[in-house]
Amino acid sequence: MQSFLAKARQSQFYGVGLLLIVTLVVWVIFFALTSAINPGSFGDPSKMLTYLQRGIIYSVGACGFYFVVVQGLFDFSIGSMIILSELMSIALIPQAGWFSVVVVPILTGFVLGLINGLVFKTLRIPSMIVTTGMSLIYEALSVRAADINGTRLASEFSLFGSYPWNLIFALACFCITGFIIKYTKIGTYSNAIGSNELVAKNMGVNVDKYKVIALTLTGAFCGAMAVLYLGYGTAQTPQTGMLSQSLNFMPLMGVFFGIAFKRYGHPIVSIVIGEFMVSMMLAGFIAIGVSTTVNQIVTGITVLLILMLTTKRRNGAVVK
């Protein structure tokens, strides 16, 4: 039995299989609880599709965030970039139509991410500080953008808020991310920088360049997430005073799963499964009447326990 488990752990599908089993266990637990407390409020096929829909929205944002976190950086401006991308999309719809719905958010996110990267490279201060400051600027700009054409998406432009177009769009984003990770220098060098930045630099890797690229990719995928997020919610109000930070949490949860299981070679699949599981847990807590505060505490603890049990510690690792 032990030899079988040892061989199973060597399989590239071990991580994905383990995540699927944990997800099934979570579903069984919440289905049993809600059946006793609030029957029919959780777990039927239509609700599972809703959980998946929410999960893939956040997974798209997590795809870009992955490149930043795997390098040992952080980006606190994710929420503000998503909101500003959405509002720029709404602002330009009268002039650009569908181009504004699909392309403008991605371009906006790309530009904002590039600005983050260039400011980070120029100032030479921690990414958390840079992106926190930039987040305040983007929040202020979102207020201006909301004044152009309001904060609501017209119903005829909400195509990407439901199946199958949201799934098609998300799959395209996942395929692009997977290609970048597996077949380009960006993926290879991002892992190298995260493993040991000094060694990567001594091997000739232009570390500053790939950090800028990582922050730019984060912005671009935040823009892609904004396409789905706006289509799903059909409206977005500006957030100021760092309130946009609330949008950072869900993409970050997916990245944690991607980082924890990347050694099995399927970080994107792990991100999607992880986001789906977290979305299902949040819905389950709501269904059994748990308050939002307790919901977040239990969800956070559960995610940390899962990652603690599945992440292999390395002796001598350098903490950045």
Protein backbone atom coordinates (compact mmCIF):
# COMPACT_ATOMS: atom_id res chain seq x y z
CA MET A 1 0.00 0.00 0.00
CA GLN A 2 2.81 2.39 0.89
CA SER A 3 4.65 1.62 -2.34
CA PHE A 4 1.44 2.29 -4.29
CA LEU A 5 1.02 5.67 -2.60
CA ALA A 6 4.67 6.48 -3.22
CA LYS A 7 4.27 5.70 -6.93
CA ALA A 8 1.02 7.68 -7.06
CA ARG A 9 2.75 10.75 -5.66
CA GLN A 10 5.25 10.58 -8.51
CA SER A 11 2.47 10.79 -11.09
CA GLN A 12 1.87 14.13 -12.77
CA PHE A 13 -1.86 13.61 -12.19
CA TYR A 14 -1.53 13.10 -8.44
CA GLY A 15 -2.05 16.77 -7.58
CA VAL A 16 -5.09 17.17 -9.83
CA GLY A 17 -6.58 13.91 -8.55
CA LEU A 18 -6.06 14.96 -4.95
CA LEU A 19 -7.72 18.33 -5.60
CA LEU A 20 -10.69 16.64 -7.24
CA ILE A 21 -11.08 14.30 -4.27
CA VAL A 22 -10.94 17.21 -1.80
CA THR A 23 -13.49 19.09 -3.92
CA LEU A 24 -15.82 16.07 -3.86
CA VAL A 25 -15.44 15.79 -0.08
CA VAL A 26 -16.28 19.48 0.31
CA TRP A 27 -19.38 19.02 -1.85
CA VAL A 28 -20.53 15.99 0.16
CA ILE A 29 -20.08 17.82 3.48
CA PHE A 30 -22.01 20.91 2.41
CA PHE A 31 -24.69 18.91 0.62
CA ALA A 32 -25.30 16.90 3.80
CA LEU A 33 -25.40 20.03 5.97
CA THR A 34 -27.74 21.96 3.67
CA SER A 35 -30.01 18.95 3.20
CA ALA A 36 -30.59 18.97 6.96
CA ILE A 37 -30.80 22.74 7.42
CA ASN A 38 -31.96 24.25 4.13
CA PRO A 39 -32.89 21.56 1.56
CA GLY A 40 -32.42 22.43 -2.10
CA SER A 41 -30.19 25.41 -1.43
CA PHE A 42 -26.91 23.82 -2.47
CA GLY A 43 -25.35 21.35 -4.84
CA ASP A 44 -27.88 20.70 -7.62
CA PRO A 45 -26.57 20.78 -11.24
CA SER A 46 -27.73 24.33 -11.99
CA LYS A 47 -26.07 25.67 -8.85
CA MET A 48 -22.88 23.74 -9.60
CA LEU A 49 -22.74 25.49 -12.98
CA THR A 50 -23.09 28.81 -11.17
CA TYR A 51 -20.20 27.93 -8.84
CA LEU A 52 -18.12 26.95 -11.88
CA GLN A 53 -19.04 30.19 -13.63
CA ARG A 54 -17.78 32.23 -10.70
CA GLY A 55 -14.71 30.05 -10.42
CA ILE A 56 -13.62 30.49 -14.03
CA ILE A 57 -14.02 34.27 -13.77
CA TYR A 58 -11.51 34.43 -10.92
CA SER A 59 -9.33 31.77 -12.56
CA VAL A 60 -8.70 34.06 -15.53
CA GLY A 61 -7.41 36.78 -13.20
CA ALA A 62 -5.34 34.20 -11.32
CA CYS A 63 -3.63 33.17 -14.56
CA GLY A 64 -1.88 36.53 -14.79
CA PHE A 65 -1.31 36.83 -11.05
CA TYR A 66 0.47 33.46 -11.16
CA PHE A 67 3.49 34.92 -13.00
CA VAL A 68 3.94 37.58 -10.32
CA VAL A 69 3.58 35.30 -7.30
CA VAL A 70 5.77 32.54 -8.74
CA GLN A 71 8.59 35.11 -9.00
CA GLY A 72 8.19 36.07 -5.36
CA LEU A 73 6.48 39.40 -6.08
CA PHE A 74 3.01 40.66 -5.19
CA ASP A 75 0.46 42.96 -6.80
CA PHE A 76 -2.03 44.86 -4.63
CA SER A 77 -3.50 46.75 -7.59
CA ILE A 78 -5.40 43.81 -9.10
CA GLY A 79 -8.84 44.92 -7.89
CA SER A 80 -8.35 48.51 -9.03
CA MET A 81 -7.12 47.37 -12.46
CA ILE A 82 -10.19 45.15 -12.90
CA ILE A 83 -12.57 47.95 -11.92
CA LEU A 84 -10.88 50.56 -14.12
CA SER A 85 -10.82 48.10 -17.06
CA GLU A 86 -14.56 47.49 -16.65
CA LEU A 87 -15.40 51.18 -16.45
CA MET A 88 -13.23 51.99 -19.48
CA SER A 89 -15.12 49.29 -21.37
CA ILE A 90 -18.47 50.88 -20.46
CA ALA A 91 -17.14 54.36 -21.23
CA LEU A 92 -16.18 53.57 -24.83
CA ILE A 93 -19.11 51.36 -25.82
CA PRO A 94 -21.00 54.20 -27.62
CA GLN A 95 -18.00 54.74 -29.90
CA ALA A 96 -16.50 51.26 -30.18
CA GLY A 97 -19.32 48.76 -29.53
CA TRP A 98 -18.15 45.15 -29.15
CA PHE A 99 -14.51 46.20 -29.54
CA SER A 100 -14.94 48.08 -26.28
CA VAL A 101 -16.53 45.07 -24.58
CA VAL A 102 -13.76 42.60 -25.45
CA VAL A 103 -10.57 44.42 -26.44
CA VAL A 104 -10.63 47.66 -24.43
CA PRO A 105 -10.56 45.95 -20.98
CA ILE A 106 -7.61 43.78 -22.00
CA LEU A 107 -5.72 46.74 -23.47
CA THR A 108 -6.48 48.83 -20.38
CA GLY A 109 -5.23 46.08 -18.08
CA PHE A 110 -2.15 45.57 -20.24
CA VAL A 111 -1.24 49.27 -20.08
CA LEU A 112 -1.85 49.46 -16.32
CA GLY A 113 0.23 46.34 -15.73
CA LEU A 114 3.04 47.72 -17.89
CA ILE A 115 2.95 50.96 -15.90
CA ASN A 116 3.20 48.94 -12.68
CA GLY A 117 6.20 47.09 -14.06
CA LEU A 118 8.02 50.20 -15.26
CA VAL A 119 7.40 52.07 -12.00
CA PHE A 120 8.59 49.04 -10.04
CA LYS A 121 11.74 48.79 -12.18
CA THR A 122 12.46 52.53 -11.95
CA LEU A 123 11.86 53.08 -8.23
CA ARG A 124 13.52 49.86 -7.04
CA ILE A 125 11.16 49.47 -4.11
CA PRO A 126 9.12 46.38 -3.11
CA SER A 127 6.30 45.44 -5.48
CA MET A 128 3.75 45.52 -2.65
CA ILE A 129 4.50 49.20 -1.99
CA VAL A 130 4.52 50.15 -5.68
CA THR A 131 1.25 48.42 -6.49
CA THR A 132 -0.47 49.73 -3.36
CA GLY A 133 0.35 53.28 -4.42
CA MET A 134 -0.68 52.62 -8.01
CA SER A 135 -3.94 51.11 -6.76
CA LEU A 136 -4.88 54.45 -5.19
CA ILE A 137 -4.22 56.17 -8.51
CA TYR A 138 -6.26 53.64 -10.48
CA GLU A 139 -9.14 53.98 -8.02
CA ALA A 140 -9.17 57.74 -8.58
CA LEU A 141 -9.10 57.23 -12.36
CA SER A 142 -12.03 54.80 -12.12
CA VAL A 143 -14.15 57.60 -10.64
CA ARG A 144 -13.34 59.71 -13.69
CA ALA A 145 -14.07 56.83 -16.05
CA ALA A 146 -17.48 56.26 -14.43
CA ASP A 147 -18.45 59.84 -15.28
CA ILE A 148 -18.06 59.24 -19.03
CA ASN A 149 -20.87 56.76 -19.69
CA GLY A 150 -22.13 55.57 -16.32
CA THR A 151 -21.50 52.32 -14.51
CA ARG A 152 -23.92 49.87 -16.13
CA LEU A 153 -23.36 47.57 -19.09
CA ALA A 154 -26.19 47.50 -21.61
CA SER A 155 -27.95 44.12 -21.67
CA GLU A 156 -27.16 43.53 -25.35
CA PHE A 157 -23.44 43.51 -24.49
CA SER A 158 -23.58 40.94 -21.66
CA LEU A 159 -22.77 37.97 -23.92
CA PHE A 160 -19.72 36.94 -21.89
CA GLY A 161 -21.68 36.78 -18.66
CA SER A 162 -23.17 33.35 -19.37
CA TYR A 163 -22.49 30.00 -21.05
CA PRO A 164 -21.12 29.12 -23.53
CA TRP A 165 -19.24 32.32 -24.40
CA ASN A 166 -17.81 32.87 -20.94
CA LEU A 167 -16.42 29.33 -20.98
CA ILE A 168 -14.99 29.72 -24.50
CA PHE A 169 -13.32 32.99 -23.55
CA ALA A 170 -11.92 31.51 -20.32
CA LEU A 171 -10.60 28.40 -22.11
CA ALA A 172 -8.77 30.65 -24.57
CA CYS A 173 -7.15 32.47 -21.63
CA PHE A 174 -6.19 29.16 -19.99
CA CYS A 175 -4.64 27.84 -23.21
CA ILE A 176 -2.61 31.03 -23.68
CA THR A 177 -1.38 30.85 -20.08
CA GLY A 178 -0.50 27.18 -20.39
CA PHE A 179 1.43 27.86 -23.59
CA ILE A 180 3.37 30.71 -21.96
CA ILE A 181 4.26 28.59 -18.93
CA LYS A 182 5.33 25.50 -20.85
CA TYR A 183 6.77 26.73 -24.14
CA THR A 184 8.20 30.23 -23.62
CA LYS A 185 11.13 31.80 -21.79
CA ILE A 186 8.64 33.76 -19.69
CA GLY A 187 7.42 30.60 -17.97
CA THR A 188 10.89 29.08 -17.63
CA TYR A 189 12.55 32.23 -16.32
CA SER A 190 9.67 33.09 -14.00
CA ASN A 191 10.14 29.74 -12.24
CA ALA A 192 13.92 30.25 -12.20
CA ILE A 193 13.61 33.72 -10.64
CA GLY A 194 11.19 32.43 -8.03
CA SER A 195 13.46 29.50 -7.15
CA ASN A 196 16.61 31.57 -6.76
CA GLU A 197 16.83 35.07 -8.17
CA LEU A 198 20.58 35.40 -7.69
CA VAL A 199 21.34 32.14 -9.51
CA ALA A 200 18.98 33.15 -12.33
CA LYS A 201 20.75 36.49 -12.66
CA ASN A 202 24.18 34.82 -12.71
CA MET A 203 22.94 32.53 -15.49
CA GLY A 204 22.24 35.57 -17.64
CA VAL A 205 18.51 36.01 -17.06
CA ASN A 206 17.42 39.64 -17.31
CA VAL A 207 15.53 39.55 -14.00
CA ASP A 208 14.19 43.11 -14.20
CA LYS A 209 12.81 42.49 -17.68
CA TYR A 210 10.88 39.39 -16.65
CA LYS A 211 9.51 41.05 -13.54
CA VAL A 212 8.12 43.82 -15.73
CA ILE A 213 6.66 41.19 -18.06
CA ALA A 214 5.06 39.38 -15.10
CA LEU A 215 3.39 42.55 -13.84
CA THR A 216 2.26 43.36 -17.39
CA LEU A 217 0.74 39.90 -17.83
CA THR A 218 -1.07 40.33 -14.54
CA GLY A 219 -2.64 43.54 -15.82
CA ALA A 220 -3.60 41.97 -19.16
CA PHE A 221 -5.30 39.00 -17.51
CA CYS A 222 -7.03 41.33 -15.05
CA GLY A 223 -8.45 43.02 -18.13
CA ALA A 224 -9.55 39.63 -19.46
CA MET A 225 -11.16 38.86 -16.10
CA ALA A 226 -12.93 42.23 -16.32
CA VAL A 227 -14.60 41.07 -19.57
CA LEU A 228 -16.19 38.12 -17.75
CA TYR A 229 -16.79 39.94 -14.48
CA LEU A 230 -18.62 42.80 -16.15
CA GLY A 231 -20.67 40.46 -18.33
CA TYR A 232 -21.70 38.48 -15.25
CA GLY A 233 -22.51 41.43 -12.99
CA THR A 234 -23.49 43.93 -15.77
CA ALA A 235 -22.44 46.89 -13.60
CA GLN A 236 -19.44 48.19 -11.70
CA THR A 237 -19.21 51.16 -9.38
CA PRO A 238 -15.89 52.88 -8.64
CA GLN A 239 -14.17 51.91 -5.40
CA THR A 240 -11.98 54.30 -3.46
CA GLY A 241 -10.05 54.20 -0.17
CA MET A 242 -8.50 50.83 -1.05
CA LEU A 243 -11.91 49.13 -1.16
CA SER A 244 -10.90 47.58 -4.48
CA GLN A 245 -8.62 45.29 -2.45
CA SER A 246 -11.61 43.03 -1.84
CA LEU A 247 -11.28 41.81 -5.43
CA ASN A 248 -7.72 40.60 -4.77
CA PHE A 249 -8.75 37.73 -2.53
CA MET A 250 -10.35 35.25 -4.95
CA PRO A 251 -7.69 35.36 -7.71
CA LEU A 252 -5.03 35.01 -5.00
CA MET A 253 -6.70 31.85 -3.68
CA GLY A 254 -6.43 30.28 -7.13
CA VAL A 255 -2.77 31.25 -7.41
CA PHE A 256 -2.06 29.54 -4.09
CA PHE A 257 -3.40 26.30 -5.52
CA GLY A 258 -1.46 26.76 -8.75
CA ILE A 259 1.81 27.36 -6.89
CA ALA A 260 1.23 24.46 -4.49
CA PHE A 261 0.59 21.97 -7.30
CA LYS A 262 2.83 23.33 -10.05
CA ARG A 263 5.41 20.61 -9.44
CA TYR A 264 2.90 18.15 -10.94
CA GLY A 265 2.91 20.13 -14.17
CA HIS A 266 -0.70 21.34 -14.17
CA PRO A 267 -0.82 24.75 -12.43
CA ILE A 268 -3.67 26.11 -14.56
CA VAL A 269 -5.88 23.07 -13.97
CA SER A 270 -5.11 23.37 -10.25
CA ILE A 271 -6.06 27.05 -10.31
CA VAL A 272 -9.43 26.31 -11.94
CA ILE A 273 -10.26 23.43 -9.58
CA GLY A 274 -9.14 25.47 -6.58
CA GLU A 275 -11.25 28.49 -7.56
CA PHE A 276 -14.26 26.23 -8.15
CA MET A 277 -13.81 24.64 -4.72
CA VAL A 278 -13.51 28.00 -2.95
CA SER A 279 -16.59 29.33 -4.79
CA MET A 280 -18.50 26.21 -3.78
CA MET A 281 -17.41 26.60 -0.15
CA LEU A 282 -18.52 30.23 -0.04
CA ALA A 283 -21.91 29.27 -1.49
CA GLY A 284 -22.20 26.40 0.98
CA PHE A 285 -21.61 28.62 3.98
CA ILE A 286 -24.22 31.07 2.73
CA ALA A 287 -26.69 28.21 2.23
CA ILE A 288 -26.36 27.05 5.86
CA GLY A 289 -26.71 30.62 7.15
CA VAL A 290 -23.14 31.30 8.26
CA SER A 291 -22.28 35.00 8.49
CA THR A 292 -19.87 36.52 5.97
CA THR A 293 -17.20 37.05 8.63
CA VAL A 294 -17.23 33.45 9.83
CA ASN A 295 -17.48 32.31 6.21
CA GLN A 296 -14.25 34.06 5.30
CA ILE A 297 -12.44 32.85 8.41
CA VAL A 298 -13.33 29.20 7.86
CA THR A 299 -12.61 29.39 4.12
CA GLY A 300 -9.22 30.95 4.76
CA ILE A 301 -8.29 28.36 7.37
CA THR A 302 -9.43 25.50 5.12
CA VAL A 303 -7.39 26.76 2.17
CA LEU A 304 -4.31 27.21 4.37
CA LEU A 305 -4.69 23.65 5.72
CA ILE A 306 -4.98 22.23 2.21
CA LEU A 307 -1.88 24.08 1.05
CA MET A 308 0.05 23.15 4.21
CA LEU A 309 -0.66 19.46 3.62
CA THR A 310 0.17 19.55 -0.08
CA THR A 311 3.13 21.94 -0.30
CA LYS A 312 6.55 20.35 0.00
CA ARG A 313 8.91 22.35 2.20
CA ARG A 314 12.49 22.87 1.07
CA ASN A 315 15.31 23.15 3.57
CA GLY A 316 17.49 26.16 2.99
CA ALA A 317 14.96 28.03 0.88
CA VAL A 318 15.45 31.77 0.82
CA VAL A 319 12.45 33.87 1.80
CA LYS A 320 12.11 37.02 -0.30
